[in-house]
């Protein structure tokens, strides 16, 4: 049922937000000349996939977890995209392709060894990674791998359709801080 909802909602989301996506792409082009950001992430059963987002940091910024990136790397337009969570819109394509779910654990980078180990222990890789989930709406980011993996495991074990829609609604209405960028 969840995969069916992912396909239907991501397809609708891509169609409905297409004008907005085009505007954001143009503004991103003006901001960095490279509006889309692609990065390898760890997916279902630890298979790698390429995540697509709107670029929020200057091109050439080191490919590290967000909490390890310098705040100065984020462009002014990127701050707006992060604050409004509009940088996540291109991930609807990842959801439609089956690489992600709308709700699930945020996909990590292949070099986040501690988080990968914690998630392996807890079976988190048995679920598709998601755009949002329990950790995200509660402001838990990748800077605390053990806590994040524990919350991800709890979400996977207890996820209901009600939770699925609640996490989506909370995300769309601005709940949760997203991944922190370290200050100056």
C-alpha atoms as a PDB file:
ATOM      1  CA  UNK A   1       0.000   0.000   0.000  1.00  0.00           C
ATOM      2  CA  UNK A   2       2.818   2.421   0.878  1.00  0.00           C
ATOM      3  CA  UNK A   3       4.537   1.912  -2.494  1.00  0.00           C
ATOM      4  CA  UNK A   4       1.232   2.515  -4.286  1.00  0.00           C
ATOM      5  CA  UNK A   5       0.769   5.778  -2.351  1.00  0.00           C
ATOM      6  CA  UNK A   6       4.374   6.768  -3.095  1.00  0.00           C
ATOM      7  CA  UNK A   7       3.852   6.298  -6.843  1.00  0.00           C
ATOM      8  CA  UNK A   8       0.503   8.086  -6.970  1.00  0.00           C
ATOM      9  CA  UNK A   9       1.477  10.991  -4.692  1.00  0.00           C
ATOM     10  CA  UNK A  10       4.910  11.536  -6.255  1.00  0.00           C
ATOM     11  CA  UNK A  11       3.423  11.513  -9.785  1.00  0.00           C
ATOM     12  CA  UNK A  12       0.749  14.010  -8.725  1.00  0.00           C
ATOM     13  CA  UNK A  13       3.383  16.057  -6.914  1.00  0.00           C
ATOM     14  CA  UNK A  14       5.636  16.186  -9.961  1.00  0.00           C
ATOM     15  CA  UNK A  15       2.771  17.312 -12.223  1.00  0.00           C
ATOM     16  CA  UNK A  16       1.314  19.864  -9.789  1.00  0.00           C
ATOM     17  CA  UNK A  17       4.669  21.387  -8.829  1.00  0.00           C
ATOM     18  CA  UNK A  18       6.119  21.445 -12.355  1.00  0.00           C
ATOM     19  CA  UNK A  19       5.653  25.241 -12.781  1.00  0.00           C
ATOM     20  CA  UNK A  20       7.263  25.851  -9.375  1.00  0.00           C
ATOM     21  CA  UNK A  21      10.085  23.417 -10.158  1.00  0.00           C
ATOM     22  CA  UNK A  22      10.789  25.278 -13.409  1.00  0.00           C
ATOM     23  CA  UNK A  23      10.902  28.637 -11.596  1.00  0.00           C
ATOM     24  CA  UNK A  24      13.181  27.223  -8.887  1.00  0.00           C
ATOM     25  CA  UNK A  25      15.400  25.656 -11.547  1.00  0.00           C
ATOM     26  CA  UNK A  26      15.747  29.033 -13.310  1.00  0.00           C
ATOM     27  CA  UNK A  27      16.482  30.840 -10.033  1.00  0.00           C
ATOM     28  CA  UNK A  28      18.982  28.116  -9.157  1.00  0.00           C
ATOM     29  CA  UNK A  29      20.649  28.544 -12.540  1.00  0.00           C
ATOM     30  CA  UNK A  30      20.962  32.252 -11.867  1.00  0.00           C
ATOM     31  CA  UNK A  31      22.299  31.541  -8.340  1.00  0.00           C
ATOM     32  CA  UNK A  32      24.942  28.871  -9.052  1.00  0.00           C
ATOM     33  CA  UNK A  33      24.775  27.988 -12.778  1.00  0.00           C
ATOM     34  CA  UNK A  34      24.145  24.441 -11.546  1.00  0.00           C
ATOM     35  CA  UNK A  35      20.623  24.223 -10.082  1.00  0.00           C
ATOM     36  CA  UNK A  36      20.450  20.471  -9.531  1.00  0.00           C
ATOM     37  CA  UNK A  37      22.596  18.577  -7.083  1.00  0.00           C
ATOM     38  CA  UNK A  38      23.245  14.862  -7.510  1.00  0.00           C
ATOM     39  CA  UNK A  39      24.860  12.756  -4.844  1.00  0.00           C
ATOM     40  CA  UNK A  40      25.337   9.044  -4.287  1.00  0.00           C
ATOM     41  CA  UNK A  41      23.391   7.800  -1.270  1.00  0.00           C
ATOM     42  CA  UNK A  42      22.811   4.461   0.410  1.00  0.00           C
ATOM     43  CA  UNK A  43      19.392   3.017  -0.351  1.00  0.00           C
ATOM     44  CA  UNK A  44      17.259  -0.067   0.165  1.00  0.00           C
ATOM     45  CA  UNK A  45      19.399  -3.122   1.071  1.00  0.00           C
ATOM     46  CA  UNK A  46      22.410  -0.746   1.054  1.00  0.00           C
ATOM     47  CA  UNK A  47      22.300  -0.386  -2.726  1.00  0.00           C
ATOM     48  CA  UNK A  48      23.700   2.934  -3.943  1.00  0.00           C
ATOM     49  CA  UNK A  49      21.493   5.353  -5.857  1.00  0.00           C
ATOM     50  CA  UNK A  50      21.782   8.938  -7.065  1.00  0.00           C
ATOM     51  CA  UNK A  51      19.701  11.370  -5.034  1.00  0.00           C
ATOM     52  CA  UNK A  52      18.591  14.550  -6.821  1.00  0.00           C
ATOM     53  CA  UNK A  53      17.879  17.841  -5.023  1.00  0.00           C
ATOM     54  CA  UNK A  54      17.990  21.524  -5.768  1.00  0.00           C
ATOM     55  CA  UNK A  55      21.468  22.826  -5.049  1.00  0.00           C
ATOM     56  CA  UNK A  56      21.691  24.841  -1.845  1.00  0.00           C
ATOM     57  CA  UNK A  57      25.479  25.058  -1.555  1.00  0.00           C
ATOM     58  CA  UNK A  58      28.075  26.489  -3.856  1.00  0.00           C
ATOM     59  CA  UNK A  59      29.356  24.085  -6.542  1.00  0.00           C
ATOM     60  CA  UNK A  60      32.585  22.431  -5.427  1.00  0.00           C
ATOM     61  CA  UNK A  61      31.550  22.159  -1.773  1.00  0.00           C
ATOM     62  CA  UNK A  62      32.914  18.955  -0.222  1.00  0.00           C
ATOM     63  CA  UNK A  63      30.524  16.005  -0.365  1.00  0.00           C
ATOM     64  CA  UNK A  64      30.016  15.534   3.372  1.00  0.00           C
ATOM     65  CA  UNK A  65      27.045  15.105   5.656  1.00  0.00           C
ATOM     66  CA  UNK A  66      25.191  18.410   6.000  1.00  0.00           C
ATOM     67  CA  UNK A  67      26.104  18.843   9.665  1.00  0.00           C
ATOM     68  CA  UNK A  68      29.793  18.772   8.653  1.00  0.00           C
ATOM     69  CA  UNK A  69      29.461  21.393   5.893  1.00  0.00           C
ATOM     70  CA  UNK A  70      30.403  25.016   6.470  1.00  0.00           C
ATOM     71  CA  UNK A  71      27.508  27.471   6.756  1.00  0.00           C
ATOM     72  CA  UNK A  72      29.361  29.798   4.384  1.00  0.00           C
ATOM     73  CA  UNK A  73      28.913  27.200   1.615  1.00  0.00           C
ATOM     74  CA  UNK A  74      25.133  27.758   1.604  1.00  0.00           C
ATOM     75  CA  UNK A  75      24.018  30.399  -0.886  1.00  0.00           C
ATOM     76  CA  UNK A  76      21.316  32.954   0.058  1.00  0.00           C
ATOM     77  CA  UNK A  77      18.896  31.244  -2.353  1.00  0.00           C
ATOM     78  CA  UNK A  78      19.975  27.918  -0.855  1.00  0.00           C
ATOM     79  CA  UNK A  79      19.012  29.136   2.638  1.00  0.00           C
ATOM     80  CA  UNK A  80      15.549  29.940   1.300  1.00  0.00           C
ATOM     81  CA  UNK A  81      15.269  26.497  -0.337  1.00  0.00           C
ATOM     82  CA  UNK A  82      16.362  24.754   2.881  1.00  0.00           C
ATOM     83  CA  UNK A  83      14.071  26.797   5.132  1.00  0.00           C
ATOM     84  CA  UNK A  84      11.039  26.069   2.918  1.00  0.00           C
ATOM     85  CA  UNK A  85      12.188  22.487   2.166  1.00  0.00           C
ATOM     86  CA  UNK A  86      11.695  23.199  -1.552  1.00  0.00           C
ATOM     87  CA  UNK A  87      15.176  21.779  -2.193  1.00  0.00           C
ATOM     88  CA  UNK A  88      13.579  18.351  -1.693  1.00  0.00           C
ATOM     89  CA  UNK A  89      11.106  18.574  -4.619  1.00  0.00           C
ATOM     90  CA  UNK A  90      13.333  16.833  -7.207  1.00  0.00           C
ATOM     91  CA  UNK A  91      13.418  13.786  -4.922  1.00  0.00           C
ATOM     92  CA  UNK A  92       9.863  13.078  -6.027  1.00  0.00           C
ATOM     93  CA  UNK A  93      11.581  11.637  -9.113  1.00  0.00           C
ATOM     94  CA  UNK A  94      13.622   9.304  -6.857  1.00  0.00           C
ATOM     95  CA  UNK A  95      10.346   8.229  -5.223  1.00  0.00           C
ATOM     96  CA  UNK A  96       8.628   7.616  -8.557  1.00  0.00           C
ATOM     97  CA  UNK A  97      11.599   5.497  -9.712  1.00  0.00           C
ATOM     98  CA  UNK A  98      11.346   3.361  -6.559  1.00  0.00           C
ATOM     99  CA  UNK A  99      14.683   4.400  -5.069  1.00  0.00           C
ATOM    100  CA  UNK A 100      12.983   6.245  -2.229  1.00  0.00           C
ATOM    101  CA  UNK A 101       9.680   6.537  -0.401  1.00  0.00           C
ATOM    102  CA  UNK A 102       7.959   9.727   0.650  1.00  0.00           C
ATOM    103  CA  UNK A 103       8.303   8.511   4.255  1.00  0.00           C
ATOM    104  CA  UNK A 104      11.320   6.585   5.493  1.00  0.00           C
ATOM    105  CA  UNK A 105      14.783   7.047   6.981  1.00  0.00           C
ATOM    106  CA  UNK A 106      16.787   9.796   5.275  1.00  0.00           C
ATOM    107  CA  UNK A 107      19.374   8.203   2.960  1.00  0.00           C
ATOM    108  CA  UNK A 108      22.938   8.551   4.181  1.00  0.00           C
ATOM    109  CA  UNK A 109      26.209   8.984   2.342  1.00  0.00           C
ATOM    110  CA  UNK A 110      28.387   5.914   1.641  1.00  0.00           C
ATOM    111  CA  UNK A 111      31.132   7.391   3.862  1.00  0.00           C
ATOM    112  CA  UNK A 112      28.960   7.711   6.978  1.00  0.00           C
ATOM    113  CA  UNK A 113      30.371   4.514   8.464  1.00  0.00           C
ATOM    114  CA  UNK A 114      29.046   4.995  12.007  1.00  0.00           C
ATOM    115  CA  UNK A 115      25.484   5.637  10.823  1.00  0.00           C
ATOM    116  CA  UNK A 116      25.639   2.738   8.360  1.00  0.00           C
ATOM    117  CA  UNK A 117      26.817   0.382  11.124  1.00  0.00           C
ATOM    118  CA  UNK A 118      24.044   1.558  13.478  1.00  0.00           C
ATOM    119  CA  UNK A 119      21.426   1.147  10.756  1.00  0.00           C
ATOM    120  CA  UNK A 120      22.723  -2.317   9.808  1.00  0.00           C
ATOM    121  CA  UNK A 121      22.365  -3.463  13.435  1.00  0.00           C
ATOM    122  CA  UNK A 122      18.770  -2.265  13.497  1.00  0.00           C
ATOM    123  CA  UNK A 123      17.616  -3.458  10.066  1.00  0.00           C
ATOM    124  CA  UNK A 124      16.942   0.076   8.819  1.00  0.00           C
ATOM    125  CA  UNK A 125      18.213  -0.786   5.327  1.00  0.00           C
ATOM    126  CA  UNK A 126      15.277  -3.174   4.927  1.00  0.00           C
ATOM    127  CA  UNK A 127      13.103  -0.105   4.193  1.00  0.00           C
ATOM    128  CA  UNK A 128      13.300   2.385   1.342  1.00  0.00           C
ATOM    129  CA  UNK A 129      14.905   5.649   2.407  1.00  0.00           C
ATOM    130  CA  UNK A 130      12.509   8.563   2.529  1.00  0.00           C
ATOM    131  CA  UNK A 131      12.186  12.273   1.996  1.00  0.00           C
ATOM    132  CA  UNK A 132      10.821  12.672   5.518  1.00  0.00           C
ATOM    133  CA  UNK A 133      10.068  10.607   8.578  1.00  0.00           C
ATOM    134  CA  UNK A 134       9.842  10.519  12.345  1.00  0.00           C
ATOM    135  CA  UNK A 135      13.406  11.770  12.882  1.00  0.00           C
ATOM    136  CA  UNK A 136      12.982  14.687  10.482  1.00  0.00           C
ATOM    137  CA  UNK A 137       9.749  15.995  12.007  1.00  0.00           C
ATOM    138  CA  UNK A 138      11.438  15.833  15.411  1.00  0.00           C
ATOM    139  CA  UNK A 139      14.590  17.682  14.312  1.00  0.00           C
ATOM    140  CA  UNK A 140      16.917  14.678  14.683  1.00  0.00           C
ATOM    141  CA  UNK A 141      19.662  14.815  12.077  1.00  0.00           C
ATOM    142  CA  UNK A 142      22.675  12.731  11.089  1.00  0.00           C
ATOM    143  CA  UNK A 143      24.961  14.339  13.693  1.00  0.00           C
ATOM    144  CA  UNK A 144      23.808  11.716  16.243  1.00  0.00           C
ATOM    145  CA  UNK A 145      24.044   8.390  14.344  1.00  0.00           C
ATOM    146  CA  UNK A 146      22.978   6.069  17.180  1.00  0.00           C
ATOM    147  CA  UNK A 147      19.923   8.142  18.090  1.00  0.00           C
ATOM    148  CA  UNK A 148      18.957   8.607  14.441  1.00  0.00           C
ATOM    149  CA  UNK A 149      19.207   4.863  13.704  1.00  0.00           C
ATOM    150  CA  UNK A 150      17.157   4.091  16.820  1.00  0.00           C
ATOM    151  CA  UNK A 151      14.386   6.505  15.796  1.00  0.00           C
ATOM    152  CA  UNK A 152      14.490   5.201  12.200  1.00  0.00           C
ATOM    153  CA  UNK A 153      14.084   1.632  13.460  1.00  0.00           C
ATOM    154  CA  UNK A 154      11.149   2.633  15.686  1.00  0.00           C
ATOM    155  CA  UNK A 155       9.460   4.422  12.761  1.00  0.00           C
ATOM    156  CA  UNK A 156       9.894   1.426  10.435  1.00  0.00           C
ATOM    157  CA  UNK A 157       8.508  -1.023  13.003  1.00  0.00           C
ATOM    158  CA  UNK A 158       5.458   1.087  13.874  1.00  0.00           C
ATOM    159  CA  UNK A 159       4.654   2.953  10.627  1.00  0.00           C
ATOM    160  CA  UNK A 160       0.940   3.080   9.880  1.00  0.00           C
ATOM    161  CA  UNK A 161      -0.954   4.835   7.087  1.00  0.00           C
ATOM    162  CA  UNK A 162      -1.960   7.467   9.635  1.00  0.00           C
ATOM    163  CA  UNK A 163       1.713   8.051  10.518  1.00  0.00           C
ATOM    164  CA  UNK A 164       2.642   8.174   6.829  1.00  0.00           C
ATOM    165  CA  UNK A 165       0.206  11.009   6.185  1.00  0.00           C
ATOM    166  CA  UNK A 166       0.991  12.708   9.512  1.00  0.00           C
ATOM    167  CA  UNK A 167       4.743  12.863   8.754  1.00  0.00           C
ATOM    168  CA  UNK A 168       4.001  14.243   5.282  1.00  0.00           C
ATOM    169  CA  UNK A 169       1.628  16.877   6.681  1.00  0.00           C
ATOM    170  CA  UNK A 170       4.045  17.871   9.440  1.00  0.00           C
ATOM    171  CA  UNK A 171       6.855  18.236   6.890  1.00  0.00           C
ATOM    172  CA  UNK A 172       4.780  20.288   4.448  1.00  0.00           C
ATOM    173  CA  UNK A 173       3.633  22.599   7.259  1.00  0.00           C
ATOM    174  CA  UNK A 174       7.215  23.208   8.396  1.00  0.00           C
ATOM    175  CA  UNK A 175       7.710  20.896  11.389  1.00  0.00           C
ATOM    176  CA  UNK A 176      11.303  19.842  12.005  1.00  0.00           C
ATOM    177  CA  UNK A 177      14.482  21.699  11.321  1.00  0.00           C
ATOM    178  CA  UNK A 178      16.036  19.502   8.674  1.00  0.00           C
ATOM    179  CA  UNK A 179      19.735  18.752   8.629  1.00  0.00           C
ATOM    180  CA  UNK A 180      21.792  21.383  10.435  1.00  0.00           C
ATOM    181  CA  UNK A 181      24.699  23.092   8.749  1.00  0.00           C
ATOM    182  CA  UNK A 182      27.461  23.880  11.225  1.00  0.00           C
ATOM    183  CA  UNK A 183      27.728  27.548  12.015  1.00  0.00           C
ATOM    184  CA  UNK A 184      30.494  29.783  10.681  1.00  0.00           C
END
